[in-house]
């Protein structure tokens, strides 16, 4: 499985981010009207129970609000320009992932091409940023923590050419 296609290499987190983005996209497109769970189920293709759980989590995180006039309907809690993928990501991290495990077995959600493109662009950027950041940390920092001193400079080791016995 090629993990570069998923945000942070996590297929479940990626799918949850796509579905959550799809919910907000539907609410944005229909604003200022509210949207029912049944309408979200038709638009996204996820079970109503799962969509309700996601909407509840988004409400707890201040991104959605229940429609005071229509019971069971949801609407955005603010302007779409104020909601970022960071908000969605943080809301996903606040939700137990095991509640969504069945999504890996579920058929793909019916998301708009715009949602797919947005999440794909974010995925590429996040994954590149993580790898670029991790590249800055060599494991010799472990020696600094235990000895309190900087390790001596060593000759660059090329793993392809170094026999395994000489590494001991």
N, C-alpha and C. Protein backbone atom coordinates (compact mmCIF):
# COMPACT_ATOMS: atom_id res chain seq x y z
N UNK A 1 0.85 -1.18 0.00
CA UNK A 1 0.00 0.00 0.00
C UNK A 1 0.89 1.24 0.00
N UNK A 2 0.65 2.14 -0.91
CA UNK A 2 1.43 3.37 -1.00
C UNK A 2 0.84 4.40 -0.04
N UNK A 3 1.54 4.68 1.05
CA UNK A 3 1.01 5.57 2.09
C UNK A 3 1.06 7.03 1.69
N UNK A 4 1.77 7.38 0.62
CA UNK A 4 1.82 8.78 0.19
C UNK A 4 0.47 9.30 -0.26
N UNK A 5 -0.46 8.39 -0.57
CA UNK A 5 -1.78 8.81 -1.04
C UNK A 5 -2.71 9.18 0.11
N UNK A 6 -2.28 8.97 1.35
CA UNK A 6 -3.10 9.25 2.51
C UNK A 6 -2.43 10.31 3.36
N UNK A 7 -3.24 11.12 4.01
CA UNK A 7 -2.68 12.15 4.87
C UNK A 7 -1.95 11.47 6.03
N UNK A 8 -0.72 11.81 6.21
CA UNK A 8 0.16 11.24 7.22
C UNK A 8 0.26 9.72 7.11
N UNK A 9 -0.01 9.18 5.93
CA UNK A 9 0.09 7.75 5.70
C UNK A 9 -1.01 6.94 6.36
N UNK A 10 -2.06 7.58 6.84
CA UNK A 10 -3.13 6.91 7.59
C UNK A 10 -4.41 6.89 6.75
N UNK A 11 -4.78 5.72 6.25
CA UNK A 11 -5.94 5.60 5.36
C UNK A 11 -7.24 5.97 6.07
N UNK A 12 -7.39 5.58 7.33
CA UNK A 12 -8.62 5.89 8.05
C UNK A 12 -8.73 7.39 8.32
N UNK A 13 -7.66 7.99 8.79
CA UNK A 13 -7.67 9.43 9.03
C UNK A 13 -7.97 10.18 7.73
N UNK A 14 -7.39 9.74 6.64
CA UNK A 14 -7.61 10.37 5.34
C UNK A 14 -9.09 10.28 4.94
N UNK A 15 -9.67 9.10 5.10
CA UNK A 15 -11.08 8.92 4.73
C UNK A 15 -11.99 9.77 5.61
N UNK A 16 -11.68 9.82 6.90
CA UNK A 16 -12.47 10.65 7.82
C UNK A 16 -12.37 12.13 7.45
N UNK A 17 -11.17 12.57 7.06
CA UNK A 17 -10.99 13.96 6.65
C UNK A 17 -11.78 14.24 5.37
N UNK A 18 -11.79 13.30 4.44
CA UNK A 18 -12.57 13.47 3.20
C UNK A 18 -14.06 13.56 3.50
N UNK A 19 -14.56 12.67 4.33
CA UNK A 19 -15.99 12.68 4.65
C UNK A 19 -16.38 13.95 5.39
N UNK A 20 -15.56 14.35 6.36
CA UNK A 20 -15.83 15.58 7.10
C UNK A 20 -15.81 16.79 6.18
N UNK A 21 -14.85 16.84 5.26
CA UNK A 21 -14.80 17.93 4.29
C UNK A 21 -16.03 17.91 3.39
N UNK A 22 -16.48 16.71 3.03
CA UNK A 22 -17.68 16.58 2.21
C UNK A 22 -18.92 17.10 2.92
N UNK A 23 -19.02 16.82 4.22
CA UNK A 23 -20.15 17.34 5.00
C UNK A 23 -20.15 18.86 4.98
N UNK A 24 -19.00 19.44 5.27
CA UNK A 24 -18.93 20.90 5.30
C UNK A 24 -19.16 21.51 3.93
N UNK A 25 -18.71 20.82 2.88
CA UNK A 25 -18.95 21.32 1.53
C UNK A 25 -20.45 21.34 1.23
N UNK A 26 -21.17 20.28 1.61
CA UNK A 26 -22.62 20.24 1.40
C UNK A 26 -23.32 21.36 2.17
N UNK A 27 -22.92 21.57 3.41
CA UNK A 27 -23.53 22.63 4.22
C UNK A 27 -23.23 24.00 3.63
N UNK A 28 -22.02 24.17 3.12
CA UNK A 28 -21.64 25.45 2.53
C UNK A 28 -22.45 25.72 1.26
N UNK A 29 -22.60 24.68 0.42
CA UNK A 29 -23.33 24.85 -0.83
C UNK A 29 -24.80 25.18 -0.61
N UNK A 30 -25.36 24.70 0.48
CA UNK A 30 -26.78 24.90 0.74
C UNK A 30 -27.06 26.05 1.70
N UNK A 31 -26.01 26.69 2.20
CA UNK A 31 -26.17 27.80 3.15
C UNK A 31 -26.95 28.94 2.46
N UNK A 32 -27.76 29.63 3.16
CA UNK A 32 -27.95 29.63 4.61
C UNK A 32 -28.96 28.58 5.10
N UNK A 33 -29.48 27.77 4.19
CA UNK A 33 -30.41 26.71 4.61
C UNK A 33 -29.65 25.62 5.36
N UNK A 34 -30.33 24.97 6.27
CA UNK A 34 -29.73 23.85 6.99
C UNK A 34 -29.92 22.57 6.17
N UNK A 35 -29.20 21.52 6.58
CA UNK A 35 -29.21 20.26 5.83
C UNK A 35 -29.53 19.12 6.80
N UNK A 36 -30.37 18.21 6.35
CA UNK A 36 -30.72 17.05 7.18
C UNK A 36 -29.67 15.95 7.02
N UNK A 37 -29.65 15.05 7.96
CA UNK A 37 -28.74 13.90 7.89
C UNK A 37 -29.10 13.05 6.66
N UNK A 38 -30.39 12.93 6.37
CA UNK A 38 -30.82 12.15 5.20
C UNK A 38 -30.26 12.75 3.91
N UNK A 39 -30.27 14.08 3.81
CA UNK A 39 -29.72 14.74 2.62
C UNK A 39 -28.21 14.53 2.55
N UNK A 40 -27.52 14.57 3.69
CA UNK A 40 -26.08 14.31 3.71
C UNK A 40 -25.80 12.86 3.33
N UNK A 41 -26.64 11.95 3.78
CA UNK A 41 -26.48 10.54 3.44
C UNK A 41 -26.60 10.33 1.93
N UNK A 42 -27.57 11.00 1.32
CA UNK A 42 -27.73 10.90 -0.14
C UNK A 42 -26.55 11.51 -0.88
N UNK A 43 -26.06 12.64 -0.39
CA UNK A 43 -24.97 13.35 -1.08
C UNK A 43 -23.62 12.68 -0.90
N UNK A 44 -23.36 12.12 0.27
CA UNK A 44 -22.02 11.61 0.58
C UNK A 44 -21.95 10.09 0.49
N UNK A 45 -23.05 9.43 0.79
CA UNK A 45 -23.07 7.98 0.68
C UNK A 45 -22.61 7.23 1.92
N UNK A 46 -22.52 7.91 3.04
CA UNK A 46 -22.17 7.27 4.31
C UNK A 46 -23.44 7.02 5.11
N UNK A 47 -23.40 6.04 6.01
CA UNK A 47 -24.57 5.76 6.83
C UNK A 47 -24.95 6.95 7.72
N UNK A 48 -26.25 7.12 7.91
CA UNK A 48 -26.76 8.24 8.70
C UNK A 48 -26.18 8.26 10.11
N UNK A 49 -26.03 7.09 10.71
CA UNK A 49 -25.49 7.01 12.08
C UNK A 49 -24.08 7.59 12.14
N UNK A 50 -23.25 7.26 11.17
CA UNK A 50 -21.88 7.78 11.12
C UNK A 50 -21.88 9.29 10.89
N UNK A 51 -22.73 9.75 9.98
CA UNK A 51 -22.80 11.18 9.69
C UNK A 51 -23.28 11.96 10.92
N UNK A 52 -24.23 11.41 11.64
CA UNK A 52 -24.72 12.07 12.86
C UNK A 52 -23.59 12.18 13.88
N UNK A 53 -22.81 11.11 14.03
CA UNK A 53 -21.68 11.12 14.98
C UNK A 53 -20.65 12.20 14.58
N UNK A 54 -20.37 12.29 13.29
CA UNK A 54 -19.41 13.30 12.81
C UNK A 54 -19.95 14.70 13.05
N UNK A 55 -21.23 14.92 12.75
CA UNK A 55 -21.83 16.24 12.96
C UNK A 55 -21.82 16.62 14.43
N UNK A 56 -22.08 15.67 15.31
CA UNK A 56 -22.02 15.94 16.75
C UNK A 56 -20.61 16.38 17.16
N UNK A 57 -19.60 15.69 16.62
CA UNK A 57 -18.21 16.05 16.92
C UNK A 57 -17.88 17.44 16.38
N UNK A 58 -18.33 17.74 15.18
CA UNK A 58 -18.08 19.07 14.60
C UNK A 58 -18.79 20.15 15.42
N UNK A 59 -19.93 19.83 15.98
CA UNK A 59 -20.65 20.77 16.84
C UNK A 59 -19.86 21.01 18.12
N UNK A 60 -19.36 19.93 18.74
CA UNK A 60 -18.55 20.08 19.95
C UNK A 60 -17.31 20.93 19.70
N UNK A 61 -16.82 20.89 18.47
CA UNK A 61 -15.62 21.66 18.12
C UNK A 61 -15.94 23.03 17.53
N UNK A 62 -17.21 23.43 17.55
CA UNK A 62 -17.60 24.78 17.16
C UNK A 62 -17.69 25.03 15.66
N UNK A 63 -17.74 23.97 14.85
CA UNK A 63 -17.77 24.15 13.40
C UNK A 63 -19.19 24.07 12.83
N UNK A 64 -20.07 23.33 13.49
CA UNK A 64 -21.47 23.21 13.08
C UNK A 64 -22.36 23.61 14.23
N UNK A 65 -23.63 23.82 13.89
CA UNK A 65 -24.64 24.03 14.92
C UNK A 65 -25.95 23.43 14.45
N UNK A 66 -26.73 22.93 15.40
CA UNK A 66 -28.04 22.42 15.00
C UNK A 66 -28.94 23.58 14.59
N UNK A 67 -29.80 23.33 13.62
CA UNK A 67 -30.76 24.34 13.19
C UNK A 67 -31.81 24.48 14.28
N UNK A 68 -31.95 25.69 14.85
CA UNK A 68 -32.93 25.85 15.93
C UNK A 68 -34.38 25.69 15.44
N UNK A 69 -34.61 25.88 14.15
CA UNK A 69 -35.97 25.81 13.61
C UNK A 69 -36.36 24.42 13.13
N UNK A 70 -35.38 23.60 12.70
CA UNK A 70 -35.68 22.28 12.15
C UNK A 70 -34.86 21.23 12.90
N UNK A 71 -35.55 20.44 13.68
CA UNK A 71 -34.91 19.41 14.49
C UNK A 71 -34.19 18.39 13.59
N UNK A 72 -32.93 18.09 13.91
CA UNK A 72 -32.15 17.11 13.16
C UNK A 72 -31.39 17.68 11.98
N UNK A 73 -31.56 18.95 11.70
CA UNK A 73 -30.81 19.59 10.62
C UNK A 73 -29.59 20.31 11.17
N UNK A 74 -28.59 20.44 10.31
CA UNK A 74 -27.33 21.07 10.70
C UNK A 74 -27.01 22.23 9.79
N UNK A 75 -26.25 23.18 10.32
CA UNK A 75 -25.77 24.32 9.54
C UNK A 75 -24.38 24.71 10.02
N UNK A 76 -23.67 25.46 9.18
CA UNK A 76 -22.35 25.92 9.58
C UNK A 76 -22.47 26.87 10.76
N UNK A 77 -21.49 26.84 11.65
CA UNK A 77 -21.50 27.70 12.82
C UNK A 77 -20.90 29.07 12.52
N UNK A 78 -20.32 29.22 11.35
CA UNK A 78 -19.71 30.50 10.98
C UNK A 78 -19.51 30.58 9.48
N UNK A 79 -18.72 31.52 9.09
CA UNK A 79 -18.43 31.72 7.67
C UNK A 79 -17.51 30.62 7.15
N UNK A 80 -17.77 30.11 5.93
CA UNK A 80 -16.88 29.08 5.36
C UNK A 80 -15.43 29.54 5.25
N UNK A 81 -15.22 30.84 5.08
CA UNK A 81 -13.84 31.32 4.95
C UNK A 81 -13.09 31.27 6.28
N UNK A 82 -13.81 31.10 7.38
CA UNK A 82 -13.17 31.02 8.69
C UNK A 82 -12.83 29.58 9.08
N UNK A 83 -13.31 28.61 8.32
CA UNK A 83 -13.07 27.20 8.64
C UNK A 83 -11.97 26.66 7.75
N UNK A 84 -10.94 26.12 8.38
CA UNK A 84 -9.80 25.58 7.63
C UNK A 84 -9.70 24.07 7.81
N UNK A 85 -8.86 23.45 7.02
CA UNK A 85 -8.62 22.02 7.19
C UNK A 85 -7.97 21.74 8.55
N UNK A 86 -7.27 22.71 9.10
CA UNK A 86 -6.72 22.52 10.44
C UNK A 86 -7.84 22.31 11.45
N UNK A 87 -8.91 23.11 11.34
CA UNK A 87 -10.05 22.93 12.24
C UNK A 87 -10.63 21.51 12.11
N UNK A 88 -10.76 21.04 10.86
CA UNK A 88 -11.30 19.70 10.63
C UNK A 88 -10.36 18.65 11.22
N UNK A 89 -9.08 18.82 10.98
CA UNK A 89 -8.08 17.86 11.46
C UNK A 89 -8.11 17.79 12.98
N UNK A 90 -8.14 18.95 13.64
CA UNK A 90 -8.17 18.97 15.10
C UNK A 90 -9.46 18.33 15.64
N UNK A 91 -10.57 18.55 14.94
CA UNK A 91 -11.82 17.92 15.39
C UNK A 91 -11.74 16.41 15.23
N UNK A 92 -11.09 15.93 14.18
CA UNK A 92 -10.93 14.49 14.00
C UNK A 92 -10.05 13.89 15.09
N UNK A 93 -9.02 14.62 15.49
CA UNK A 93 -8.13 14.13 16.54
C UNK A 93 -8.83 14.07 17.88
N UNK A 94 -9.87 14.87 18.07
CA UNK A 94 -10.60 14.86 19.33
C UNK A 94 -11.62 13.74 19.41
N UNK A 95 -11.86 13.06 18.30
CA UNK A 95 -12.84 11.97 18.23
C UNK A 95 -12.11 10.63 18.30
N UNK A 96 -12.65 9.66 19.04
CA UNK A 96 -11.99 8.35 19.07
C UNK A 96 -12.01 7.70 17.68
N UNK A 97 -10.85 7.32 17.19
CA UNK A 97 -10.74 6.75 15.85
C UNK A 97 -11.43 5.40 15.74
N UNK A 98 -11.48 4.65 16.83
CA UNK A 98 -12.08 3.32 16.75
C UNK A 98 -13.57 3.38 16.42
N UNK A 99 -14.19 4.52 16.64
CA UNK A 99 -15.60 4.69 16.28
C UNK A 99 -15.79 4.69 14.77
N UNK A 100 -14.71 4.89 14.02
CA UNK A 100 -14.80 4.99 12.57
C UNK A 100 -14.11 3.85 11.84
N UNK A 101 -13.67 2.83 12.53
CA UNK A 101 -12.92 1.74 11.89
C UNK A 101 -13.68 1.09 10.74
N UNK A 102 -14.99 1.01 10.86
CA UNK A 102 -15.78 0.36 9.80
C UNK A 102 -15.73 1.13 8.48
N UNK A 103 -15.29 2.38 8.51
CA UNK A 103 -15.19 3.16 7.27
C UNK A 103 -14.18 2.58 6.31
N UNK A 104 -13.15 1.87 6.82
CA UNK A 104 -12.16 1.27 5.93
C UNK A 104 -12.77 0.19 5.06
N UNK A 105 -13.78 -0.48 5.56
CA UNK A 105 -14.44 -1.53 4.80
C UNK A 105 -15.59 -1.00 3.96
N UNK A 106 -16.06 0.20 4.28
CA UNK A 106 -17.19 0.78 3.56
C UNK A 106 -16.78 1.21 2.16
N UNK A 107 -17.72 1.23 1.24
CA UNK A 107 -17.40 1.73 -0.09
C UNK A 107 -17.00 3.20 -0.01
N UNK A 108 -16.26 3.68 -1.01
CA UNK A 108 -15.84 5.08 -0.97
C UNK A 108 -17.03 6.02 -0.93
N UNK A 109 -16.85 7.11 -0.21
CA UNK A 109 -17.90 8.11 -0.14
C UNK A 109 -18.05 8.79 -1.50
N UNK A 110 -19.23 9.32 -1.77
CA UNK A 110 -19.49 10.05 -3.01
C UNK A 110 -19.13 11.51 -2.77
N UNK A 111 -17.90 11.86 -3.00
CA UNK A 111 -17.46 13.22 -2.73
C UNK A 111 -17.32 13.99 -4.04
N UNK A 112 -17.51 15.27 -3.93
CA UNK A 112 -17.37 16.10 -5.13
C UNK A 112 -15.90 16.15 -5.53
N UNK A 113 -15.63 16.38 -6.81
CA UNK A 113 -14.23 16.51 -7.25
C UNK A 113 -13.50 17.64 -6.53
N UNK A 114 -14.24 18.68 -6.14
CA UNK A 114 -13.60 19.79 -5.42
C UNK A 114 -13.09 19.35 -4.05
N UNK A 115 -13.86 18.51 -3.36
CA UNK A 115 -13.43 18.00 -2.06
C UNK A 115 -12.22 17.10 -2.25
N UNK A 116 -12.27 16.21 -3.23
CA UNK A 116 -11.13 15.33 -3.51
C UNK A 116 -9.87 16.13 -3.81
N UNK A 117 -10.00 17.17 -4.63
CA UNK A 117 -8.85 17.99 -4.99
C UNK A 117 -8.28 18.72 -3.78
N UNK A 118 -9.16 19.31 -2.97
CA UNK A 118 -8.70 20.03 -1.78
C UNK A 118 -7.94 19.11 -0.83
N UNK A 119 -8.50 17.95 -0.55
CA UNK A 119 -7.85 17.01 0.39
C UNK A 119 -6.57 16.45 -0.22
N UNK A 120 -6.56 16.19 -1.53
CA UNK A 120 -5.35 15.69 -2.18
C UNK A 120 -4.23 16.73 -2.10
N UNK A 121 -4.55 18.00 -2.37
CA UNK A 121 -3.53 19.05 -2.28
C UNK A 121 -3.00 19.18 -0.86
N UNK A 122 -3.89 19.11 0.12
CA UNK A 122 -3.46 19.18 1.52
C UNK A 122 -2.59 17.98 1.87
N UNK A 123 -2.98 16.80 1.39
CA UNK A 123 -2.23 15.58 1.68
C UNK A 123 -0.80 15.67 1.16
N UNK A 124 -0.66 16.09 -0.08
CA UNK A 124 0.68 16.23 -0.67
C UNK A 124 1.51 17.22 0.14
N UNK A 125 0.93 18.36 0.47
CA UNK A 125 1.66 19.38 1.23
C UNK A 125 2.05 18.91 2.62
N UNK A 126 1.12 18.26 3.31
CA UNK A 126 1.40 17.78 4.67
C UNK A 126 2.47 16.71 4.64
N UNK A 127 2.31 15.73 3.75
CA UNK A 127 3.29 14.64 3.70
C UNK A 127 4.68 15.16 3.34
N UNK A 128 4.77 16.07 2.38
CA UNK A 128 6.07 16.64 2.04
C UNK A 128 6.66 17.41 3.21
N UNK A 129 5.82 18.17 3.91
CA UNK A 129 6.29 18.93 5.06
C UNK A 129 6.80 18.03 6.18
N UNK A 130 6.09 16.94 6.44
CA UNK A 130 6.51 16.01 7.49
C UNK A 130 7.85 15.39 7.12
N UNK A 131 7.99 14.91 5.89
CA UNK A 131 9.26 14.29 5.48
C UNK A 131 10.40 15.30 5.52
N UNK A 132 10.14 16.52 5.07
CA UNK A 132 11.18 17.56 5.10
C UNK A 132 11.60 17.84 6.55
N UNK A 133 10.64 17.88 7.46
CA UNK A 133 10.94 18.14 8.86
C UNK A 133 11.70 16.96 9.49
N UNK A 134 11.25 15.74 9.22
CA UNK A 134 11.91 14.57 9.80
C UNK A 134 13.34 14.41 9.29
N UNK A 135 13.60 14.86 8.07
CA UNK A 135 14.94 14.78 7.48
C UNK A 135 15.96 15.58 8.30
N UNK A 136 15.50 16.55 9.07
CA UNK A 136 16.40 17.40 9.86
C UNK A 136 16.90 16.71 11.12
N UNK A 137 16.33 15.58 11.49
CA UNK A 137 16.68 14.93 12.74
C UNK A 137 17.40 13.62 12.48
N UNK A 138 18.70 13.60 12.76
CA UNK A 138 19.46 12.36 12.64
C UNK A 138 19.43 11.65 13.99
N UNK A 139 19.65 10.36 13.95
CA UNK A 139 19.56 9.61 15.19
C UNK A 139 20.73 9.87 16.14
N UNK A 140 21.77 10.59 15.68
CA UNK A 140 22.86 10.90 16.60
C UNK A 140 22.40 11.86 17.71
N UNK A 141 21.22 12.44 17.56
CA UNK A 141 20.66 13.26 18.64
C UNK A 141 20.37 12.42 19.87
N UNK A 142 20.21 11.14 19.70
CA UNK A 142 20.00 10.26 20.85
C UNK A 142 21.23 10.26 21.74
N UNK A 143 22.40 10.35 21.14
CA UNK A 143 23.64 10.39 21.92
C UNK A 143 23.74 11.69 22.69
N UNK A 144 23.28 12.78 22.11
CA UNK A 144 23.34 14.07 22.80
C UNK A 144 22.49 14.04 24.07
N UNK A 145 21.37 13.37 24.01
CA UNK A 145 20.49 13.32 25.18
C UNK A 145 21.09 12.53 26.32
N UNK A 146 21.78 11.44 26.01
CA UNK A 146 22.31 10.59 27.08
C UNK A 146 23.64 11.09 27.61
N UNK A 147 24.47 11.70 26.79
CA UNK A 147 25.78 12.13 27.27
C UNK A 147 25.84 13.62 27.54
N UNK A 148 24.89 14.37 26.99
CA UNK A 148 24.92 15.82 27.19
C UNK A 148 25.96 16.50 26.32
N UNK A 149 26.63 15.76 25.46
CA UNK A 149 27.66 16.33 24.61
C UNK A 149 27.32 16.04 23.16
N UNK A 150 27.89 16.83 22.31
CA UNK A 150 27.71 16.60 20.88
C UNK A 150 28.54 15.41 20.46
N UNK A 151 28.02 14.57 19.61
CA UNK A 151 28.81 13.42 19.15
C UNK A 151 29.94 13.88 18.24
N UNK A 152 30.99 13.08 18.22
CA UNK A 152 32.12 13.39 17.33
C UNK A 152 31.66 13.25 15.89
N UNK A 153 32.24 14.07 15.02
CA UNK A 153 31.91 13.99 13.60
C UNK A 153 32.38 12.67 13.04
N UNK A 154 31.53 12.01 12.31
CA UNK A 154 31.90 10.73 11.72
C UNK A 154 31.83 10.84 10.22
N UNK A 155 32.57 9.97 9.60
CA UNK A 155 32.55 9.89 8.15
C UNK A 155 31.17 9.40 7.72
N UNK A 156 30.68 9.92 6.61
CA UNK A 156 29.37 9.50 6.11
C UNK A 156 29.39 8.02 5.77
N UNK A 157 28.39 7.31 6.25
CA UNK A 157 28.27 5.89 6.00
C UNK A 157 27.31 5.69 4.85
N UNK A 158 27.74 4.92 3.89
CA UNK A 158 26.87 4.58 2.77
C UNK A 158 26.45 3.15 2.98
N UNK A 159 25.20 2.96 3.34
CA UNK A 159 24.72 1.65 3.75
C UNK A 159 24.80 0.61 2.65
N UNK A 160 24.71 1.01 1.41
CA UNK A 160 24.76 0.04 0.32
C UNK A 160 26.15 -0.60 0.22
N UNK A 161 27.19 0.14 0.55
CA UNK A 161 28.56 -0.33 0.35
C UNK A 161 29.21 -0.86 1.63
N UNK A 162 28.57 -0.66 2.78
CA UNK A 162 29.19 -1.04 4.05
C UNK A 162 28.75 -2.45 4.42
N UNK A 163 29.71 -3.36 4.62
CA UNK A 163 29.33 -4.71 5.06
C UNK A 163 28.70 -4.66 6.45
N UNK A 164 27.76 -5.53 6.69
CA UNK A 164 27.03 -5.53 7.97
C UNK A 164 27.96 -5.79 9.13
N UNK A 165 29.00 -6.59 8.96
CA UNK A 165 29.91 -6.92 10.05
C UNK A 165 30.66 -5.70 10.55
N UNK A 166 30.97 -4.74 9.70
CA UNK A 166 31.75 -3.58 10.10
C UNK A 166 30.93 -2.58 10.91
N UNK A 167 29.62 -2.74 10.95
CA UNK A 167 28.79 -1.82 11.72
C UNK A 167 28.77 -2.19 13.20
N UNK A 168 29.27 -3.36 13.57
CA UNK A 168 29.24 -3.79 14.98
C UNK A 168 30.38 -3.23 15.76
